[in-house]
Amino acid sequence: MAESYNGYCVKCKEKRDFDGEVHETNGRRMAKGTCPVCGTKMNRILGKA
């Protein structure tokens, strides 16, 4: 189930919306996806709620 998130692309050096999935590692929730422009992997750490 992919949702849309706002994150920072390191390669493009801009904030972009990306489609990603939520993963949980060591008790932290993180959205992982790819940049729609350059295809680089993007991630964003989410809050607990």
PDB file of N, CA and C in Angstrom:
ATOM      1  N   MET A   1       0.849  -1.178   0.000  1.00  0.00           N
ATOM      2  CA  MET A   1       0.000   0.000   0.000  1.00  0.00           C
ATOM      3  C   MET A   1       0.893   1.240   0.000  1.00  0.00           C
ATOM      4  N   ALA A   2       1.103   1.847  -1.134  1.00  0.00           N
ATOM      5  CA  ALA A   2       1.969   3.014  -1.253  1.00  0.00           C
ATOM      6  C   ALA A   2       1.184   4.293  -0.961  1.00  0.00           C
ATOM      7  N   GLU A   3       1.805   5.160  -0.170  1.00  0.00           N
ATOM      8  CA  GLU A   3       1.218   6.458   0.136  1.00  0.00           C
ATOM      9  C   GLU A   3       2.192   7.533  -0.306  1.00  0.00           C
ATOM     10  N   SER A   4       1.726   8.759  -0.375  1.00  0.00           N
ATOM     11  CA  SER A   4       2.564   9.867  -0.801  1.00  0.00           C
ATOM     12  C   SER A   4       3.169  10.574   0.411  1.00  0.00           C
ATOM     13  N   TYR A   5       4.473  10.823   0.367  1.00  0.00           N
ATOM     14  CA  TYR A   5       5.190  11.492   1.444  1.00  0.00           C
ATOM     15  C   TYR A   5       6.029  12.610   0.858  1.00  0.00           C
ATOM     16  N   ASN A   6       6.412  13.561   1.687  1.00  0.00           N
ATOM     17  CA  ASN A   6       7.274  14.655   1.278  1.00  0.00           C
ATOM     18  C   ASN A   6       8.641  14.410   1.904  1.00  0.00           C
ATOM     19  N   GLY A   7       9.689  14.394   1.083  1.00  0.00           N
ATOM     20  CA  GLY A   7      11.028  14.137   1.582  1.00  0.00           C
ATOM     21  C   GLY A   7      12.060  14.920   0.796  1.00  0.00           C
ATOM     22  N   TYR A   8      13.327  14.795   1.208  1.00  0.00           N
ATOM     23  CA  TYR A   8      14.427  15.515   0.589  1.00  0.00           C
ATOM     24  C   TYR A   8      15.237  14.550  -0.264  1.00  0.00           C
ATOM     25  N   CYS A   9      15.417  14.901  -1.520  1.00  0.00           N
ATOM     26  CA  CYS A   9      16.249  14.104  -2.420  1.00  0.00           C
ATOM     27  C   CYS A   9      17.677  14.656  -2.367  1.00  0.00           C
ATOM     28  N   VAL A  10      18.626  13.819  -2.004  1.00  0.00           N
ATOM     29  CA  VAL A  10      20.012  14.260  -1.862  1.00  0.00           C
ATOM     30  C   VAL A  10      20.647  14.538  -3.219  1.00  0.00           C
ATOM     31  N   LYS A  11      20.256  13.778  -4.227  1.00  0.00           N
ATOM     32  CA  LYS A  11      20.839  13.956  -5.556  1.00  0.00           C
ATOM     33  C   LYS A  11      20.311  15.221  -6.236  1.00  0.00           C
ATOM     34  N   CYS A  12      18.990  15.458  -6.173  1.00  0.00           N
ATOM     35  CA  CYS A  12      18.380  16.651  -6.780  1.00  0.00           C
ATOM     36  C   CYS A  12      18.543  17.890  -5.897  1.00  0.00           C
ATOM     37  N   LYS A  13      18.770  17.678  -4.597  1.00  0.00           N
ATOM     38  CA  LYS A  13      18.888  18.754  -3.612  1.00  0.00           C
ATOM     39  C   LYS A  13      17.618  19.600  -3.536  1.00  0.00           C
ATOM     40  N   GLU A  14      16.470  18.921  -3.571  1.00  0.00           N
ATOM     41  CA  GLU A  14      15.173  19.580  -3.450  1.00  0.00           C
ATOM     42  C   GLU A  14      14.212  18.686  -2.694  1.00  0.00           C
ATOM     43  N   LYS A  15      13.206  19.315  -2.067  1.00  0.00           N
ATOM     44  CA  LYS A  15      12.143  18.554  -1.426  1.00  0.00           C
ATOM     45  C   LYS A  15      11.155  18.124  -2.498  1.00  0.00           C
ATOM     46  N   ARG A  16      10.774  16.846  -2.455  1.00  0.00           N
ATOM     47  CA  ARG A  16       9.855  16.309  -3.443  1.00  0.00           C
ATOM     48  C   ARG A  16       8.868  15.368  -2.761  1.00  0.00           C
ATOM     49  N   ASP A  17       7.707  15.216  -3.394  1.00  0.00           N
ATOM     50  CA  ASP A  17       6.742  14.219  -2.957  1.00  0.00           C
ATOM     51  C   ASP A  17       7.114  12.896  -3.618  1.00  0.00           C
ATOM     52  N   PHE A  18       7.092  11.819  -2.826  1.00  0.00           N
ATOM     53  CA  PHE A  18       7.401  10.507  -3.379  1.00  0.00           C
ATOM     54  C   PHE A  18       6.426   9.484  -2.829  1.00  0.00           C
ATOM     55  N   ASP A  19       6.198   8.436  -3.601  1.00  0.00           N
ATOM     56  CA  ASP A  19       5.341   7.334  -3.166  1.00  0.00           C
ATOM     57  C   ASP A  19       6.221   6.314  -2.472  1.00  0.00           C
ATOM     58  N   GLY A  20       5.794   5.900  -1.288  1.00  0.00           N
ATOM     59  CA  GLY A  20       6.608   4.951  -0.544  1.00  0.00           C
ATOM     60  C   GLY A  20       5.796   4.110   0.404  1.00  0.00           C
ATOM     61  N   GLU A  21       6.475   3.169   1.026  1.00  0.00           N
ATOM     62  CA  GLU A  21       5.863   2.269   1.988  1.00  0.00           C
ATOM     63  C   GLU A  21       6.508   2.474   3.347  1.00  0.00           C
ATOM     64  N   VAL A  22       5.747   2.206   4.401  1.00  0.00           N
ATOM     65  CA  VAL A  22       6.232   2.382   5.763  1.00  0.00           C
ATOM     66  C   VAL A  22       6.919   1.104   6.219  1.00  0.00           C
ATOM     67  N   HIS A  23       8.153   1.253   6.723  1.00  0.00           N
ATOM     68  CA  HIS A  23       8.916   0.154   7.301  1.00  0.00           C
ATOM     69  C   HIS A  23       9.231   0.520   8.740  1.00  0.00           C
ATOM     70  N   GLU A  24       9.380  -0.481   9.584  1.00  0.00           N
ATOM     71  CA  GLU A  24       9.718  -0.212  10.975  1.00  0.00           C
ATOM     72  C   GLU A  24      10.996  -0.973  11.317  1.00  0.00           C
ATOM     73  N   THR A  25      12.012  -0.228  11.779  1.00  0.00           N
ATOM     74  CA  THR A  25      13.292  -0.804  12.156  1.00  0.00           C
ATOM     75  C   THR A  25      13.704  -0.234  13.509  1.00  0.00           C
ATOM     76  N   ASN A  26      14.003  -1.094  14.448  1.00  0.00           N
ATOM     77  CA  ASN A  26      14.421  -0.698  15.792  1.00  0.00           C
ATOM     78  C   ASN A  26      13.427   0.251  16.448  1.00  0.00           C
ATOM     79  N   GLY A  27      12.145   0.039  16.213  1.00  0.00           N
ATOM     80  CA  GLY A  27      11.117   0.862  16.832  1.00  0.00           C
ATOM     81  C   GLY A  27      10.884   2.203  16.151  1.00  0.00           C
ATOM     82  N   ARG A  28      11.548   2.467  15.027  1.00  0.00           N
ATOM     83  CA  ARG A  28      11.356   3.723  14.296  1.00  0.00           C
ATOM     84  C   ARG A  28      10.587   3.452  13.012  1.00  0.00           C
ATOM     85  N   ARG A  29       9.615   4.306  12.748  1.00  0.00           N
ATOM     86  CA  ARG A  29       8.846   4.190  11.509  1.00  0.00           C
ATOM     87  C   ARG A  29       9.515   5.048  10.445  1.00  0.00           C
ATOM     88  N   MET A  30       9.639   4.497   9.237  1.00  0.00           N
ATOM     89  CA  MET A  30      10.317   5.204   8.163  1.00  0.00           C
ATOM     90  C   MET A  30       9.607   4.923   6.845  1.00  0.00           C
ATOM     91  N   ALA A  31       9.394   5.974   6.069  1.00  0.00           N
ATOM     92  CA  ALA A  31       8.824   5.820   4.729  1.00  0.00           C
ATOM     93  C   ALA A  31       9.976   5.715   3.741  1.00  0.00           C
ATOM     94  N   LYS A  32       9.960   4.677   2.921  1.00  0.00           N
ATOM     95  CA  LYS A  32      11.009   4.466   1.930  1.00  0.00           C
ATOM     96  C   LYS A  32      10.394   4.434   0.545  1.00  0.00           C
ATOM     97  N   GLY A  33      11.044   5.100  -0.403  1.00  0.00           N
ATOM     98  CA  GLY A  33      10.564   5.128  -1.773  1.00  0.00           C
ATOM     99  C   GLY A  33      11.652   5.621  -2.701  1.00  0.00           C
ATOM    100  N   THR A  34      11.272   6.008  -3.918  1.00  0.00           N
ATOM    101  CA  THR A  34      12.227   6.519  -4.891  1.00  0.00           C
ATOM    102  C   THR A  34      11.805   7.892  -5.379  1.00  0.00           C
ATOM    103  N   CYS A  35      12.779   8.699  -5.753  1.00  0.00           N
ATOM    104  CA  CYS A  35      12.535  10.034  -6.290  1.00  0.00           C
ATOM    105  C   CYS A  35      11.882   9.899  -7.664  1.00  0.00           C
ATOM    106  N   PRO A  36      10.792  10.623  -7.907  1.00  0.00           N
ATOM    107  CA  PRO A  36      10.123  10.502  -9.209  1.00  0.00           C
ATOM    108  C   PRO A  36      10.917  11.103 -10.369  1.00  0.00           C
ATOM    109  N   VAL A  37      11.901  11.978 -10.075  1.00  0.00           N
ATOM    110  CA  VAL A  37      12.659  12.641 -11.136  1.00  0.00           C
ATOM    111  C   VAL A  37      13.919  11.861 -11.508  1.00  0.00           C
ATOM    112  N   CYS A  38      14.759  11.538 -10.501  1.00  0.00           N
ATOM    113  CA  CYS A  38      16.045  10.917 -10.808  1.00  0.00           C
ATOM    114  C   CYS A  38      16.121   9.439 -10.435  1.00  0.00           C
ATOM    115  N   GLY A  39      15.169   8.931  -9.651  1.00  0.00           N
ATOM    116  CA  GLY A  39      15.153   7.511  -9.314  1.00  0.00           C
ATOM    117  C   GLY A  39      16.002   7.126  -8.116  1.00  0.00           C
ATOM    118  N   THR A  40      16.569   8.094  -7.399  1.00  0.00           N
ATOM    119  CA  THR A  40      17.369   7.819  -6.213  1.00  0.00           C
ATOM    120  C   THR A  40      16.466   7.394  -5.069  1.00  0.00           C
ATOM    121  N   LYS A  41      16.962   6.508  -4.206  1.00  0.00           N
ATOM    122  CA  LYS A  41      16.183   6.085  -3.049  1.00  0.00           C
ATOM    123  C   LYS A  41      16.027   7.252  -2.088  1.00  0.00           C
ATOM    124  N   MET A  42      14.808   7.418  -1.574  1.00  0.00           N
ATOM    125  CA  MET A  42      14.519   8.486  -0.606  1.00  0.00           C
ATOM    126  C   MET A  42      13.916   7.846   0.629  1.00  0.00           C
ATOM    127  N   ASN A  43      14.117   8.478   1.781  1.00  0.00           N
ATOM    128  CA  ASN A  43      13.447   8.018   2.977  1.00  0.00           C
ATOM    129  C   ASN A  43      13.129   9.205   3.873  1.00  0.00           C
ATOM    130  N   ARG A  44      12.163   8.981   4.755  1.00  0.00           N
ATOM    131  CA  ARG A  44      11.759  10.010   5.692  1.00  0.00           C
ATOM    132  C   ARG A  44      11.370   9.326   6.995  1.00  0.00           C
ATOM    133  N   ILE A  45      11.934   9.794   8.106  1.00  0.00           N
ATOM    134  CA  ILE A  45      11.605   9.256   9.416  1.00  0.00           C
ATOM    135  C   ILE A  45      10.279   9.861   9.862  1.00  0.00           C
ATOM    136  N   LEU A  46       9.356   9.008  10.259  1.00  0.00           N
ATOM    137  CA  LEU A  46       8.024   9.434  10.648  1.00  0.00           C
ATOM    138  C   LEU A  46       7.895   9.461  12.162  1.00  0.00           C
ATOM    139  N   GLY A  47       6.877  10.146  12.648  1.00  0.00           N
ATOM    140  CA  GLY A  47       6.606  10.210  14.082  1.00  0.00           C
ATOM    141  C   GLY A  47       5.992   8.916  14.581  1.00  0.00           C
ATOM    142  N   LYS A  48       5.815   8.818  15.883  1.00  0.00           N
ATOM    143  CA  LYS A  48       5.271   7.606  16.475  1.00  0.00           C
ATOM    144  C   LYS A  48       3.785   7.452  16.227  1.00  0.00           C
ATOM    145  N   ALA A  49       3.070   8.545  16.046  1.00  0.00           N
ATOM    146  CA  ALA A  49       1.601   8.472  15.913  1.00  0.00           C
ATOM    147  C   ALA A  49       1.153   7.965  14.569  1.00  0.00           C
TER     148      ALA A  49
END
